[in-house]
C-alpha cells in the first residue's frame, strides 16, 4: 500500500490518505499484518482512516491501525448497514464524512500562512528605532592607578596678624631633678 501511494507522481507537499476496511482482528499475512503495514504508512506521512467491516470487530485493533487522534480517523465509521433479512447496504454517510474530513484537513494544510508565502522584492530601509532604556549599573571595577598631581592653584591673600602670647620657661624644682633622685636613693 505505501509503495503504491509513493510511486504515484504528485507534489511532495501533497497530503496522502488511505482508507482501510477491516474488523481489527489480528490474523497475520505475508506482508506482516495490517498493523505493521499501517505503521510503515504512518512513517511516510500517510494518514489512515479505519472503517469497520462488520459488527464483529475489535475496537482496540481498529484504533491501533488508525492515525491519532482516533476521534478523527476512526470515529464510528462502518462500511455496510446489516439488517436481518435484507441485503447489505453501503453506508454512504461514512464515505461522505471521510471525504469531508479529508477535504477539510487538506484545506487547513494548504491555506497555512507559510504555504501561501511568496518571496517578493526587498522594501526600503526602515527608520532607525528609538534609543533603548538605560541599563542597570554594573559591579564596581578594580582600583585604578594614581593620577597626576593637580594644579596648586592661585596663592591667596596674607591673613591678619594674630595675638602675641609670651611663653615663660618653667622653673626647675630641685626636689624633682634627676640628680637629686639619684643621690637621694643611694
C-alpha atoms as a PDB file:
ATOM      1  CA  UNK A   1       0.000   0.000   0.000  1.00  0.00           C
ATOM      2  CA  UNK A   2       2.700   2.511   0.999  1.00  0.00           C
ATOM      3  CA  UNK A   3       4.916   1.791  -2.008  1.00  0.00           C
ATOM      4  CA  UNK A   4       1.952   2.131  -4.390  1.00  0.00           C
ATOM      5  CA  UNK A   5       0.986   5.520  -2.951  1.00  0.00           C
ATOM      6  CA  UNK A   6       4.531   6.871  -3.004  1.00  0.00           C
ATOM      7  CA  UNK A   7       5.127   5.660  -6.570  1.00  0.00           C
ATOM      8  CA  UNK A   8       2.310   7.829  -7.962  1.00  0.00           C
ATOM      9  CA  UNK A   9       3.654  11.219  -9.155  1.00  0.00           C
ATOM     10  CA  UNK A  10       2.428  14.142  -7.053  1.00  0.00           C
ATOM     11  CA  UNK A  11       3.570  17.287  -5.317  1.00  0.00           C
ATOM     12  CA  UNK A  12       5.900  16.378  -2.406  1.00  0.00           C
ATOM     13  CA  UNK A  13       3.780  18.585  -0.139  1.00  0.00           C
ATOM     14  CA  UNK A  14       0.558  16.742  -1.094  1.00  0.00           C
ATOM     15  CA  UNK A  15      -1.367  15.070   1.719  1.00  0.00           C
ATOM     16  CA  UNK A  16      -1.885  11.343   1.274  1.00  0.00           C
ATOM     17  CA  UNK A  17      -4.832   9.449   2.757  1.00  0.00           C
ATOM     18  CA  UNK A  18      -5.715   5.761   2.892  1.00  0.00           C
ATOM     19  CA  UNK A  19      -8.977   4.078   3.908  1.00  0.00           C
ATOM     20  CA  UNK A  20      -8.666   0.600   5.444  1.00  0.00           C
ATOM     21  CA  UNK A  21     -11.753  -1.601   5.802  1.00  0.00           C
ATOM     22  CA  UNK A  22     -11.167  -4.288   8.435  1.00  0.00           C
ATOM     23  CA  UNK A  23     -12.619  -5.849  11.565  1.00  0.00           C
ATOM     24  CA  UNK A  24      -9.426  -5.096  13.562  1.00  0.00           C
ATOM     25  CA  UNK A  25      -8.697  -8.750  14.436  1.00  0.00           C
ATOM     26  CA  UNK A  26      -5.041  -9.764  14.049  1.00  0.00           C
ATOM     27  CA  UNK A  27      -4.742 -12.583  11.535  1.00  0.00           C
ATOM     28  CA  UNK A  28      -1.256 -12.005  10.131  1.00  0.00           C
ATOM     29  CA  UNK A  29      -0.305 -12.265   6.490  1.00  0.00           C
ATOM     30  CA  UNK A  30       2.762 -12.443   4.280  1.00  0.00           C
ATOM     31  CA  UNK A  31       3.209  -8.660   4.469  1.00  0.00           C
ATOM     32  CA  UNK A  32       3.360  -8.632   8.285  1.00  0.00           C
ATOM     33  CA  UNK A  33      -0.272  -7.853   9.025  1.00  0.00           C
ATOM     34  CA  UNK A  34      -2.302  -4.688   8.665  1.00  0.00           C
ATOM     35  CA  UNK A  35      -0.917  -3.145  11.881  1.00  0.00           C
ATOM     36  CA  UNK A  36       2.693  -3.360  10.652  1.00  0.00           C
ATOM     37  CA  UNK A  37       1.656  -2.066   7.230  1.00  0.00           C
ATOM     38  CA  UNK A  38      -0.209   0.860   8.784  1.00  0.00           C
ATOM     39  CA  UNK A  39       2.857   1.769  10.883  1.00  0.00           C
ATOM     40  CA  UNK A  40       5.004   1.872   7.727  1.00  0.00           C
ATOM     41  CA  UNK A  41       2.412   4.088   6.030  1.00  0.00           C
ATOM     42  CA  UNK A  42       2.285   6.478   9.017  1.00  0.00           C
ATOM     43  CA  UNK A  43       6.100   6.730   8.918  1.00  0.00           C
ATOM     44  CA  UNK A  44       5.730   8.032   5.328  1.00  0.00           C
ATOM     45  CA  UNK A  45       3.096  10.656   6.408  1.00  0.00           C
ATOM     46  CA  UNK A  46       0.116   8.745   5.010  1.00  0.00           C
ATOM     47  CA  UNK A  47      -2.999   9.382   7.109  1.00  0.00           C
ATOM     48  CA  UNK A  48      -5.111   6.258   7.627  1.00  0.00           C
ATOM     49  CA  UNK A  49      -8.882   6.154   8.177  1.00  0.00           C
ATOM     50  CA  UNK A  50     -10.285   2.871   9.515  1.00  0.00           C
ATOM     51  CA  UNK A  51     -13.763   1.627   8.630  1.00  0.00           C
ATOM     52  CA  UNK A  52     -15.347  -1.333  10.429  1.00  0.00           C
ATOM     53  CA  UNK A  53     -16.256  -4.147   8.030  1.00  0.00           C
ATOM     54  CA  UNK A  54     -18.947  -5.650  10.266  1.00  0.00           C
ATOM     55  CA  UNK A  55     -20.430  -5.611  13.751  1.00  0.00           C
ATOM     56  CA  UNK A  56     -17.953  -8.322  14.826  1.00  0.00           C
ATOM     57  CA  UNK A  57     -14.964  -6.061  15.431  1.00  0.00           C
ATOM     58  CA  UNK A  58     -12.012  -5.411  17.725  1.00  0.00           C
ATOM     59  CA  UNK A  59     -12.233  -1.681  18.510  1.00  0.00           C
ATOM     60  CA  UNK A  60      -8.760  -1.588  20.101  1.00  0.00           C
ATOM     61  CA  UNK A  61      -7.286  -3.161  16.988  1.00  0.00           C
ATOM     62  CA  UNK A  62      -9.100  -0.635  14.780  1.00  0.00           C
ATOM     63  CA  UNK A  63      -7.743   2.282  16.823  1.00  0.00           C
ATOM     64  CA  UNK A  64      -4.192   0.870  16.625  1.00  0.00           C
ATOM     65  CA  UNK A  65      -4.422   0.860  12.831  1.00  0.00           C
ATOM     66  CA  UNK A  66      -5.914   4.375  12.532  1.00  0.00           C
ATOM     67  CA  UNK A  67      -3.875   7.556  12.832  1.00  0.00           C
ATOM     68  CA  UNK A  68      -4.140   9.592  16.025  1.00  0.00           C
ATOM     69  CA  UNK A  69      -6.432  11.116  17.135  1.00  0.00           C
ATOM     70  CA  UNK A  70      -8.844   8.201  16.821  1.00  0.00           C
ATOM     71  CA  UNK A  71     -11.764  10.617  17.170  1.00  0.00           C
ATOM     72  CA  UNK A  72     -10.886  11.899  13.668  1.00  0.00           C
ATOM     73  CA  UNK A  73      -9.574   8.805  11.888  1.00  0.00           C
ATOM     74  CA  UNK A  74     -11.745   6.072  13.440  1.00  0.00           C
ATOM     75  CA  UNK A  75     -14.960   7.507  14.902  1.00  0.00           C
ATOM     76  CA  UNK A  76     -17.824   5.080  14.306  1.00  0.00           C
ATOM     77  CA  UNK A  77     -17.160   4.508  10.604  1.00  0.00           C
ATOM     78  CA  UNK A  78     -18.924   1.398   9.233  1.00  0.00           C
ATOM     79  CA  UNK A  79     -18.768   0.052   5.670  1.00  0.00           C
ATOM     80  CA  UNK A  80     -22.205  -1.515   5.370  1.00  0.00           C
ATOM     81  CA  UNK A  81     -25.527  -1.498   7.148  1.00  0.00           C
ATOM     82  CA  UNK A  82     -26.552  -5.046   8.002  1.00  0.00           C
ATOM     83  CA  UNK A  83     -30.225  -5.697   8.721  1.00  0.00           C
ATOM     84  CA  UNK A  84     -31.716  -9.184   9.149  1.00  0.00           C
ATOM     85  CA  UNK A  85     -33.494 -10.435   6.027  1.00  0.00           C
ATOM     86  CA  UNK A  86     -32.085  -7.679   3.781  1.00  0.00           C
ATOM     87  CA  UNK A  87     -29.067  -7.349   1.548  1.00  0.00           C
ATOM     88  CA  UNK A  88     -26.126  -5.326   2.943  1.00  0.00           C
ATOM     89  CA  UNK A  89     -26.394  -1.612   2.104  1.00  0.00           C
ATOM     90  CA  UNK A  90     -23.263   0.517   1.620  1.00  0.00           C
ATOM     91  CA  UNK A  91     -23.141   3.152   4.356  1.00  0.00           C
ATOM     92  CA  UNK A  92     -22.899   6.353   2.277  1.00  0.00           C
ATOM     93  CA  UNK A  93     -22.729   8.619   5.351  1.00  0.00           C
ATOM     94  CA  UNK A  94     -19.358   7.080   6.255  1.00  0.00           C
ATOM     95  CA  UNK A  95     -17.976   7.759   2.783  1.00  0.00           C
ATOM     96  CA  UNK A  96     -19.259  11.364   2.832  1.00  0.00           C
ATOM     97  CA  UNK A  97     -17.840  12.027   6.325  1.00  0.00           C
ATOM     98  CA  UNK A  98     -14.410  10.659   5.377  1.00  0.00           C
ATOM     99  CA  UNK A  99     -14.300  12.749   2.169  1.00  0.00           C
ATOM    100  CA  UNK A 100     -15.417  15.843   4.110  1.00  0.00           C
ATOM    101  CA  UNK A 101     -12.695  15.257   6.742  1.00  0.00           C
ATOM    102  CA  UNK A 102     -10.039  14.763   4.046  1.00  0.00           C
ATOM    103  CA  UNK A 103     -11.111  17.950   2.269  1.00  0.00           C
ATOM    104  CA  UNK A 104     -11.066  19.949   5.499  1.00  0.00           C
ATOM    105  CA  UNK A 105      -7.612  18.685   6.511  1.00  0.00           C
ATOM    106  CA  UNK A 106      -6.189  19.432   3.048  1.00  0.00           C
ATOM    107  CA  UNK A 107      -7.752  22.921   3.122  1.00  0.00           C
ATOM    108  CA  UNK A 108      -6.272  23.678   6.557  1.00  0.00           C
ATOM    109  CA  UNK A 109      -2.836  22.403   5.475  1.00  0.00           C
ATOM    110  CA  UNK A 110      -2.829  24.215   2.147  1.00  0.00           C
ATOM    111  CA  UNK A 111      -4.030  27.585   3.404  1.00  0.00           C
ATOM    112  CA  UNK A 112      -1.481  27.998   6.155  1.00  0.00           C
ATOM    113  CA  UNK A 113       0.325  31.328   6.001  1.00  0.00           C
ATOM    114  CA  UNK A 114       3.618  29.551   5.307  1.00  0.00           C
ATOM    115  CA  UNK A 115       2.015  27.715   2.348  1.00  0.00           C
ATOM    116  CA  UNK A 116       0.819  30.954   0.734  1.00  0.00           C
ATOM    117  CA  UNK A 117       4.027  32.952   1.204  1.00  0.00           C
ATOM    118  CA  UNK A 118       5.833  34.089  -1.930  1.00  0.00           C
ATOM    119  CA  UNK A 119       9.139  35.902  -1.953  1.00  0.00           C
ATOM    120  CA  UNK A 120       8.876  39.482  -3.157  1.00  0.00           C
ATOM    121  CA  UNK A 121      11.326  42.330  -3.726  1.00  0.00           C
ATOM    122  CA  UNK A 122      13.047  43.895  -0.729  1.00  0.00           C
ATOM    123  CA  UNK A 123      11.371  47.002   0.615  1.00  0.00           C
ATOM    124  CA  UNK A 124      13.009  50.334   1.515  1.00  0.00           C
ATOM    125  CA  UNK A 125      15.222  50.578   4.559  1.00  0.00           C
ATOM    126  CA  UNK A 126      13.199  51.453   7.647  1.00  0.00           C
ATOM    127  CA  UNK A 127      13.652  54.288  10.106  1.00  0.00           C
ATOM    128  CA  UNK A 128      16.106  53.943  12.930  1.00  0.00           C
ATOM    129  CA  UNK A 129      14.409  52.877  16.132  1.00  0.00           C
ATOM    130  CA  UNK A 130      14.307  54.885  19.326  1.00  0.00           C
ATOM    131  CA  UNK A 131      17.106  54.724  21.852  1.00  0.00           C
ATOM    132  CA  UNK A 132      16.729  51.899  24.309  1.00  0.00           C
ATOM    133  CA  UNK A 133      16.263  52.237  28.049  1.00  0.00           C
ATOM    134  CA  UNK A 134      19.336  52.719  30.237  1.00  0.00           C
ATOM    135  CA  UNK A 135      20.556  49.501  31.748  1.00  0.00           C
ATOM    136  CA  UNK A 136      21.320  48.727  35.375  1.00  0.00           C
ATOM    137  CA  UNK A 137      24.591  49.835  36.981  1.00  0.00           C
ATOM    138  CA  UNK A 138      27.258  47.177  36.911  1.00  0.00           C
ATOM    139  CA  UNK A 139      29.568  45.988  39.661  1.00  0.00           C
ATOM    140  CA  UNK A 140      32.373  48.416  40.706  1.00  0.00           C
ATOM    141  CA  UNK A 141      35.662  47.784  38.903  1.00  0.00           C
ATOM    142  CA  UNK A 142      39.215  47.356  40.206  1.00  0.00           C
ATOM    143  CA  UNK A 143      41.064  50.320  41.749  1.00  0.00           C
ATOM    144  CA  UNK A 144      42.929  52.270  39.071  1.00  0.00           C
ATOM    145  CA  UNK A 145      46.464  53.769  39.007  1.00  0.00           C
ATOM    146  CA  UNK A 146      47.266  57.076  40.746  1.00  0.00           C
ATOM    147  CA  UNK A 147      46.671  60.110  38.558  1.00  0.00           C
ATOM    148  CA  UNK A 148      48.983  63.142  38.059  1.00  0.00           C
ATOM    149  CA  UNK A 149      49.114  65.887  40.674  1.00  0.00           C
ATOM    150  CA  UNK A 150      46.653  68.694  40.229  1.00  0.00           C
ATOM    151  CA  UNK A 151      47.284  72.432  39.746  1.00  0.00           C
ATOM    152  CA  UNK A 152      48.414  74.137  43.028  1.00  0.00           C
ATOM    153  CA  UNK A 153      46.012  76.977  42.390  1.00  0.00           C
ATOM    154  CA  UNK A 154      46.353  80.769  42.935  1.00  0.00           C
ATOM    155  CA  UNK A 155      48.081  81.994  46.110  1.00  0.00           C
ATOM    156  CA  UNK A 156      45.616  83.570  48.493  1.00  0.00           C
ATOM    157  CA  UNK A 157      45.921  86.885  50.440  1.00  0.00           C
ATOM    158  CA  UNK A 158      48.031  87.138  53.575  1.00  0.00           C
ATOM    159  CA  UNK A 159      45.899  86.974  56.684  1.00  0.00           C
ATOM    160  CA  UNK A 160      45.622  89.401  59.665  1.00  0.00           C
ATOM    161  CA  UNK A 161      48.328  89.245  62.348  1.00  0.00           C
ATOM    162  CA  UNK A 162      47.355  87.103  65.338  1.00  0.00           C
ATOM    163  CA  UNK A 163      47.556  87.749  69.112  1.00  0.00           C
ATOM    164  CA  UNK A 164      51.055  87.617  70.645  1.00  0.00           C
ATOM    165  CA  UNK A 165      51.478  85.310  73.608  1.00  0.00           C
ATOM    166  CA  UNK A 166      54.648  85.257  75.680  1.00  0.00           C
ATOM    167  CA  UNK A 167      55.919  81.935  76.895  1.00  0.00           C
ATOM    168  CA  UNK A 168      57.920  81.851  80.144  1.00  0.00           C
ATOM    169  CA  UNK A 169      60.225  78.924  80.993  1.00  0.00           C
ATOM    170  CA  UNK A 170      59.181  76.817  83.948  1.00  0.00           C
ATOM    171  CA  UNK A 171      61.470  76.962  86.957  1.00  0.00           C
ATOM    172  CA  UNK A 172      63.311  73.771  87.781  1.00  0.00           C
ATOM    173  CA  UNK A 173      62.478  72.493  91.202  1.00  0.00           C
ATOM    174  CA  UNK A 174      65.472  70.828  92.845  1.00  0.00           C
ATOM    175  CA  UNK A 175      63.413  68.200  94.621  1.00  0.00           C
ATOM    176  CA  UNK A 176      62.279  66.820  91.267  1.00  0.00           C
ATOM    177  CA  UNK A 177      65.573  66.978  89.447  1.00  0.00           C
ATOM    178  CA  UNK A 178      67.157  63.775  88.246  1.00  0.00           C
ATOM    179  CA  UNK A 179      70.395  64.334  90.209  1.00  0.00           C
ATOM    180  CA  UNK A 180      68.557  64.605  93.424  1.00  0.00           C
ATOM    181  CA  UNK A 181      66.588  61.406  92.712  1.00  0.00           C
ATOM    182  CA  UNK A 182      69.808  59.506  92.076  1.00  0.00           C
ATOM    183  CA  UNK A 183      71.585  60.957  95.049  1.00  0.00           C
ATOM    184  CA  UNK A 184      68.702  60.526  97.444  1.00  0.00           C
ATOM    185  CA  UNK A 185      68.324  56.846  96.732  1.00  0.00           C
ATOM    186  CA  UNK A 186      71.909  55.935  97.148  1.00  0.00           C
END
